[in-house]
C-alpha atoms as a PDB file:
ATOM      1  CA  UNK A   1     144.867  90.106 126.874  1.00  0.00           C
ATOM      2  CA  UNK A   2     147.171  92.969 126.299  1.00  0.00           C
ATOM      3  CA  UNK A   3     149.227  93.749 122.989  1.00  0.00           C
ATOM      4  CA  UNK A   4     152.258  93.498 125.427  1.00  0.00           C
ATOM      5  CA  UNK A   5     151.422  89.714 125.774  1.00  0.00           C
ATOM      6  CA  UNK A   6     152.026  89.187 121.990  1.00  0.00           C
ATOM      7  CA  UNK A   7     155.669  90.809 122.429  1.00  0.00           C
ATOM      8  CA  UNK A   8     158.293  87.967 122.489  1.00  0.00           C
ATOM      9  CA  UNK A   9     160.881  90.449 123.504  1.00  0.00           C
ATOM     10  CA  UNK A  10     161.883  94.356 123.638  1.00  0.00           C
ATOM     11  CA  UNK A  11     164.566  94.842 121.108  1.00  0.00           C
ATOM     12  CA  UNK A  12     164.894  98.767 121.923  1.00  0.00           C
ATOM     13  CA  UNK A  13     163.666  99.815 125.139  1.00  0.00           C
ATOM     14  CA  UNK A  14     161.738 103.194 125.380  1.00  0.00           C
ATOM     15  CA  UNK A  15     164.392 105.219 127.364  1.00  0.00           C
ATOM     16  CA  UNK A  16     167.035 103.890 124.565  1.00  0.00           C
ATOM     17  CA  UNK A  17     164.593 104.832 121.747  1.00  0.00           C
ATOM     18  CA  UNK A  18     164.162 108.396 122.941  1.00  0.00           C
ATOM     19  CA  UNK A  19     167.740 109.089 123.556  1.00  0.00           C
ATOM     20  CA  UNK A  20     168.582 108.184 120.191  1.00  0.00           C
ATOM     21  CA  UNK A  21     165.907 110.369 118.674  1.00  0.00           C
ATOM     22  CA  UNK A  22     167.156 113.227 120.814  1.00  0.00           C
ATOM     23  CA  UNK A  23     170.671 112.389 119.164  1.00  0.00           C
ATOM     24  CA  UNK A  24     169.329 112.154 115.730  1.00  0.00           C
ATOM     25  CA  UNK A  25     167.803 115.473 116.081  1.00  0.00           C
ATOM     26  CA  UNK A  26     171.172 116.957 117.015  1.00  0.00           C
ATOM     27  CA  UNK A  27     172.916 115.395 114.165  1.00  0.00           C
ATOM     28  CA  UNK A  28     170.176 116.841 111.937  1.00  0.00           C
ATOM     29  CA  UNK A  29     170.407 120.335 113.680  1.00  0.00           C
ATOM     30  CA  UNK A  30     174.017 120.434 112.510  1.00  0.00           C
ATOM     31  CA  UNK A  31     173.224 120.185 108.750  1.00  0.00           C
ATOM     32  CA  UNK A  32     169.998 122.302 108.551  1.00  0.00           C
ATOM     33  CA  UNK A  33     169.407 125.916 109.412  1.00  0.00           C
ATOM     34  CA  UNK A  34     166.407 128.259 109.286  1.00  0.00           C
ATOM     35  CA  UNK A  35     167.326 129.381 105.931  1.00  0.00           C
ATOM     36  CA  UNK A  36     167.419 125.980 104.431  1.00  0.00           C
ATOM     37  CA  UNK A  37     163.946 125.603 105.797  1.00  0.00           C
ATOM     38  CA  UNK A  38     163.595 122.140 104.887  1.00  0.00           C
ATOM     39  CA  UNK A  39     160.526 120.080 104.102  1.00  0.00           C
ATOM     40  CA  UNK A  40     160.332 116.873 106.170  1.00  0.00           C
ATOM     41  CA  UNK A  41     158.383 114.058 104.250  1.00  0.00           C
ATOM     42  CA  UNK A  42     156.953 111.672 106.735  1.00  0.00           C
ATOM     43  CA  UNK A  43     156.231 108.261 105.331  1.00  0.00           C
ATOM     44  CA  UNK A  44     152.970 107.056 106.888  1.00  0.00           C
ATOM     45  CA  UNK A  45     151.767 105.299 108.653  1.00  0.00           C
ATOM     46  CA  UNK A  46     154.908 103.799 110.579  1.00  0.00           C
ATOM     47  CA  UNK A  47     156.956 106.970 110.707  1.00  0.00           C
ATOM     48  CA  UNK A  48     154.323 109.330 112.451  1.00  0.00           C
ATOM     49  CA  UNK A  49     155.390 108.567 116.053  1.00  0.00           C
ATOM     50  CA  UNK A  50     159.164 108.917 115.078  1.00  0.00           C
ATOM     51  CA  UNK A  51     158.359 112.125 113.058  1.00  0.00           C
ATOM     52  CA  UNK A  52     156.320 113.821 116.010  1.00  0.00           C
ATOM     53  CA  UNK A  53     159.199 113.059 118.545  1.00  0.00           C
ATOM     54  CA  UNK A  54     161.977 114.089 116.075  1.00  0.00           C
ATOM     55  CA  UNK A  55     160.432 117.314 115.379  1.00  0.00           C
ATOM     56  CA  UNK A  56     160.192 118.444 118.855  1.00  0.00           C
ATOM     57  CA  UNK A  57     164.094 118.399 119.080  1.00  0.00           C
ATOM     58  CA  UNK A  58     164.689 120.310 115.598  1.00  0.00           C
ATOM     59  CA  UNK A  59     166.124 123.824 116.162  1.00  0.00           C
ATOM     60  CA  UNK A  60     165.257 125.145 112.612  1.00  0.00           C
ATOM     61  CA  UNK A  61     162.323 126.070 110.891  1.00  0.00           C
ATOM     62  CA  UNK A  62     160.681 123.307 108.748  1.00  0.00           C
ATOM     63  CA  UNK A  63     157.529 122.381 107.173  1.00  0.00           C
ATOM     64  CA  UNK A  64     156.058 118.788 107.072  1.00  0.00           C
ATOM     65  CA  UNK A  65     154.327 117.001 104.583  1.00  0.00           C
ATOM     66  CA  UNK A  66     153.079 113.348 104.257  1.00  0.00           C
ATOM     67  CA  UNK A  67     153.351 110.295 101.753  1.00  0.00           C
ATOM     68  CA  UNK A  68     151.568 106.938 102.170  1.00  0.00           C
ATOM     69  CA  UNK A  69     153.448 104.222 100.505  1.00  0.00           C
ATOM     70  CA  UNK A  70     152.089 100.504 100.335  1.00  0.00           C
ATOM     71  CA  UNK A  71     154.416  97.463  99.709  1.00  0.00           C
ATOM     72  CA  UNK A  72     153.462  95.314 102.854  1.00  0.00           C
ATOM     73  CA  UNK A  73     149.505  95.267 103.228  1.00  0.00           C
ATOM     74  CA  UNK A  74     148.710  92.754 106.148  1.00  0.00           C
ATOM     75  CA  UNK A  75     151.870  90.652 105.523  1.00  0.00           C
ATOM     76  CA  UNK A  76     155.133  90.475 107.354  1.00  0.00           C
ATOM     77  CA  UNK A  77     157.434  90.635 104.224  1.00  0.00           C
ATOM     78  CA  UNK A  78     157.029  93.370 101.383  1.00  0.00           C
ATOM     79  CA  UNK A  79     155.414  92.206  98.392  1.00  0.00           C
ATOM     80  CA  UNK A  80     157.723  93.926  96.168  1.00  0.00           C
ATOM     81  CA  UNK A  81     154.934  96.176  94.780  1.00  0.00           C
ATOM     82  CA  UNK A  82     155.054  99.697  95.777  1.00  0.00           C
ATOM     83  CA  UNK A  83     152.261 102.012  95.421  1.00  0.00           C
ATOM     84  CA  UNK A  84     151.912 105.482  96.136  1.00  0.00           C
ATOM     85  CA  UNK A  85     148.383 105.955  98.185  1.00  0.00           C
ATOM     86  CA  UNK A  86     148.809 109.665  99.160  1.00  0.00           C
ATOM     87  CA  UNK A  87     151.328 112.007  97.555  1.00  0.00           C
ATOM     88  CA  UNK A  88     152.744 115.363  98.746  1.00  0.00           C
ATOM     89  CA  UNK A  89     150.480 118.348  98.686  1.00  0.00           C
ATOM     90  CA  UNK A  90     153.098 120.791  97.672  1.00  0.00           C
ATOM     91  CA  UNK A  91     156.020 121.088  95.177  1.00  0.00           C
ATOM     92  CA  UNK A  92     159.497 120.171  96.361  1.00  0.00           C
ATOM     93  CA  UNK A  93     161.310 121.830  93.399  1.00  0.00           C
ATOM     94  CA  UNK A  94     164.209 123.680  94.795  1.00  0.00           C
ATOM     95  CA  UNK A  95     163.643 122.767  98.238  1.00  0.00           C
ATOM     96  CA  UNK A  96     165.744 120.783 100.657  1.00  0.00           C
ATOM     97  CA  UNK A  97     163.862 117.480 101.678  1.00  0.00           C
ATOM     98  CA  UNK A  98     164.471 115.070 104.506  1.00  0.00           C
ATOM     99  CA  UNK A  99     162.383 111.951 104.104  1.00  0.00           C
ATOM    100  CA  UNK A 100     161.595 110.439 107.673  1.00  0.00           C
ATOM    101  CA  UNK A 101     161.027 106.826 107.538  1.00  0.00           C
ATOM    102  CA  UNK A 102     160.277 104.157 110.231  1.00  0.00           C
ATOM    103  CA  UNK A 103     162.320 101.283 108.707  1.00  0.00           C
ATOM    104  CA  UNK A 104     164.422 100.429 105.706  1.00  0.00           C
ATOM    105  CA  UNK A 105     164.365  96.711 104.918  1.00  0.00           C
ATOM    106  CA  UNK A 106     165.138  95.409 101.536  1.00  0.00           C
ATOM    107  CA  UNK A 107     165.397  99.101 100.253  1.00  0.00           C
ATOM    108  CA  UNK A 108     163.176  98.893  97.341  1.00  0.00           C
ATOM    109  CA  UNK A 109     160.398 101.063  98.669  1.00  0.00           C
ATOM    110  CA  UNK A 110     162.843 103.701  99.659  1.00  0.00           C
ATOM    111  CA  UNK A 111     164.603 103.370  96.295  1.00  0.00           C
ATOM    112  CA  UNK A 112     161.233 103.794  94.516  1.00  0.00           C
ATOM    113  CA  UNK A 113     160.410 106.861  96.693  1.00  0.00           C
ATOM    114  CA  UNK A 114     163.750 108.508  96.096  1.00  0.00           C
ATOM    115  CA  UNK A 115     163.871 107.939  92.503  1.00  0.00           C
ATOM    116  CA  UNK A 116     160.160 109.424  92.312  1.00  0.00           C
ATOM    117  CA  UNK A 117     161.261 112.527  94.378  1.00  0.00           C
ATOM    118  CA  UNK A 118     164.358 113.065  92.478  1.00  0.00           C
ATOM    119  CA  UNK A 119     162.453 113.683  89.384  1.00  0.00           C
ATOM    120  CA  UNK A 120     160.668 116.557  91.205  1.00  0.00           C
ATOM    121  CA  UNK A 121     164.001 118.592  91.257  1.00  0.00           C
ATOM    122  CA  UNK A 122     164.515 119.051  94.943  1.00  0.00           C
ATOM    123  CA  UNK A 123     167.764 121.051  96.028  1.00  0.00           C
ATOM    124  CA  UNK A 124     168.781 118.381  98.092  1.00  0.00           C
ATOM    125  CA  UNK A 125     167.114 114.994  99.324  1.00  0.00           C
ATOM    126  CA  UNK A 126     168.387 113.005 102.269  1.00  0.00           C
ATOM    127  CA  UNK A 127     166.947 109.990 104.206  1.00  0.00           C
ATOM    128  CA  UNK A 128     166.527 109.678 108.031  1.00  0.00           C
ATOM    129  CA  UNK A 129     165.172 106.235 109.164  1.00  0.00           C
ATOM    130  CA  UNK A 130     164.812 105.035 112.994  1.00  0.00           C
ATOM    131  CA  UNK A 131     165.664 101.510 111.848  1.00  0.00           C
ATOM    132  CA  UNK A 132     167.887  99.762 109.270  1.00  0.00           C
ATOM    133  CA  UNK A 133     167.984  96.045 108.521  1.00  0.00           C
ATOM    134  CA  UNK A 134     171.164  95.587 106.476  1.00  0.00           C
ATOM    135  CA  UNK A 135     170.973  91.874 106.370  1.00  0.00           C
ATOM    136  CA  UNK A 136     167.700  92.262 104.334  1.00  0.00           C
ATOM    137  CA  UNK A 137     168.931  94.764 101.813  1.00  0.00           C
ATOM    138  CA  UNK A 138     168.502  94.079  98.189  1.00  0.00           C
ATOM    139  CA  UNK A 139     168.724  97.612  96.949  1.00  0.00           C
ATOM    140  CA  UNK A 140     171.390 100.009  98.256  1.00  0.00           C
ATOM    141  CA  UNK A 141     169.925 103.409  99.341  1.00  0.00           C
ATOM    142  CA  UNK A 142     172.058 106.144 100.832  1.00  0.00           C
ATOM    143  CA  UNK A 143     171.072 106.601 104.310  1.00  0.00           C
ATOM    144  CA  UNK A 144     171.910 109.933 105.906  1.00  0.00           C
ATOM    145  CA  UNK A 145     170.798 109.328 109.395  1.00  0.00           C
ATOM    146  CA  UNK A 146     170.169 105.835 110.869  1.00  0.00           C
ATOM    147  CA  UNK A 147     168.834 105.566 114.518  1.00  0.00           C
ATOM    148  CA  UNK A 148     169.435 101.742 115.000  1.00  0.00           C
ATOM    149  CA  UNK A 149     170.587  98.812 112.825  1.00  0.00           C
ATOM    150  CA  UNK A 150     168.482  95.701 113.690  1.00  0.00           C
ATOM    151  CA  UNK A 151     168.657  92.166 113.007  1.00  0.00           C
ATOM    152  CA  UNK A 152     166.436  90.428 110.700  1.00  0.00           C
ATOM    153  CA  UNK A 153     163.305  90.289 112.926  1.00  0.00           C
ATOM    154  CA  UNK A 154     159.668  91.576 112.483  1.00  0.00           C
ATOM    155  CA  UNK A 155     159.094  94.395 114.625  1.00  0.00           C
ATOM    156  CA  UNK A 156     156.274  96.432 116.006  1.00  0.00           C
ATOM    157  CA  UNK A 157     155.940  99.410 118.403  1.00  0.00           C
ATOM    158  CA  UNK A 158     156.680 103.159 118.156  1.00  0.00           C
ATOM    159  CA  UNK A 159     154.382 103.584 115.060  1.00  0.00           C
ATOM    160  CA  UNK A 160     155.356 100.250 113.387  1.00  0.00           C
ATOM    161  CA  UNK A 161     152.556  97.797 112.936  1.00  0.00           C
ATOM    162  CA  UNK A 162     151.339  94.342 112.122  1.00  0.00           C
ATOM    163  CA  UNK A 163     147.950  94.381 110.475  1.00  0.00           C
ATOM    164  CA  UNK A 164     147.391  97.972 112.035  1.00  0.00           C
ATOM    165  CA  UNK A 165     147.902  96.978 115.560  1.00  0.00           C
ATOM    166  CA  UNK A 166     150.966  97.386 117.875  1.00  0.00           C
ATOM    167  CA  UNK A 167     151.689 101.196 116.690  1.00  0.00           C
ATOM    168  CA  UNK A 168     151.150 102.303 120.292  1.00  0.00           C
ATOM    169  CA  UNK A 169     153.812 100.360 122.110  1.00  0.00           C
ATOM    170  CA  UNK A 170     156.245 102.941 123.411  1.00  0.00           C
ATOM    171  CA  UNK A 171     159.329 100.473 122.563  1.00  0.00           C
ATOM    172  CA  UNK A 172     160.558  98.488 119.489  1.00  0.00           C
ATOM    173  CA  UNK A 173     159.488  94.780 120.162  1.00  0.00           C
ATOM    174  CA  UNK A 174     159.560  91.437 118.362  1.00  0.00           C
ATOM    175  CA  UNK A 175     156.240  89.692 117.837  1.00  0.00           C
ATOM    176  CA  UNK A 176     155.737  86.212 119.147  1.00  0.00           C
ATOM    177  CA  UNK A 177     155.214  83.842 115.999  1.00  0.00           C
ATOM    178  CA  UNK A 178     151.870  82.828 117.321  1.00  0.00           C
ATOM    179  CA  UNK A 179     150.744  86.528 117.353  1.00  0.00           C
ATOM    180  CA  UNK A 180     151.688  86.528 113.491  1.00  0.00           C
ATOM    181  CA  UNK A 181     150.242  83.257 112.721  1.00  0.00           C
ATOM    182  CA  UNK A 182     146.777  84.261 114.435  1.00  0.00           C
ATOM    183  CA  UNK A 183     146.224  86.951 111.816  1.00  0.00           C
END
């Protein structure tokens, strides 16, 4: 049995995904220059594939750092309790910071992250997310770059997981209900 067998449908095919990542990078390239030397903060684990592809299309010098934030565990719905499991290795004071996230759902996690990072006095703080679910939003967070708005479906692939599986799928797909219930 393959991971592909657990996918009910492909929401965003690989070619469409890659084209949008390139166009997001073009939008970001218009904002930053080598002089800005921004720090890209990747929210692990889900955003690592998106970040890797995005950075290959960026035309300016930048650094990368990582944060691990937990609010889902092995569930399909956020617990609402946000915890920082891994923090940044460097100071962001006076730096331009671009948060790179896989998906914004309720907005609670991103609200927590942005409030936390604002206390560290960055020169600017912007958000780039691959996916946004506006129908699930409980906290309004300003999104500067959005790859796709998606319906209220539990999605996997391209770095997004369910119980640590499915990250390696090259597309964004919706799991079959029985795949979720088996966990």
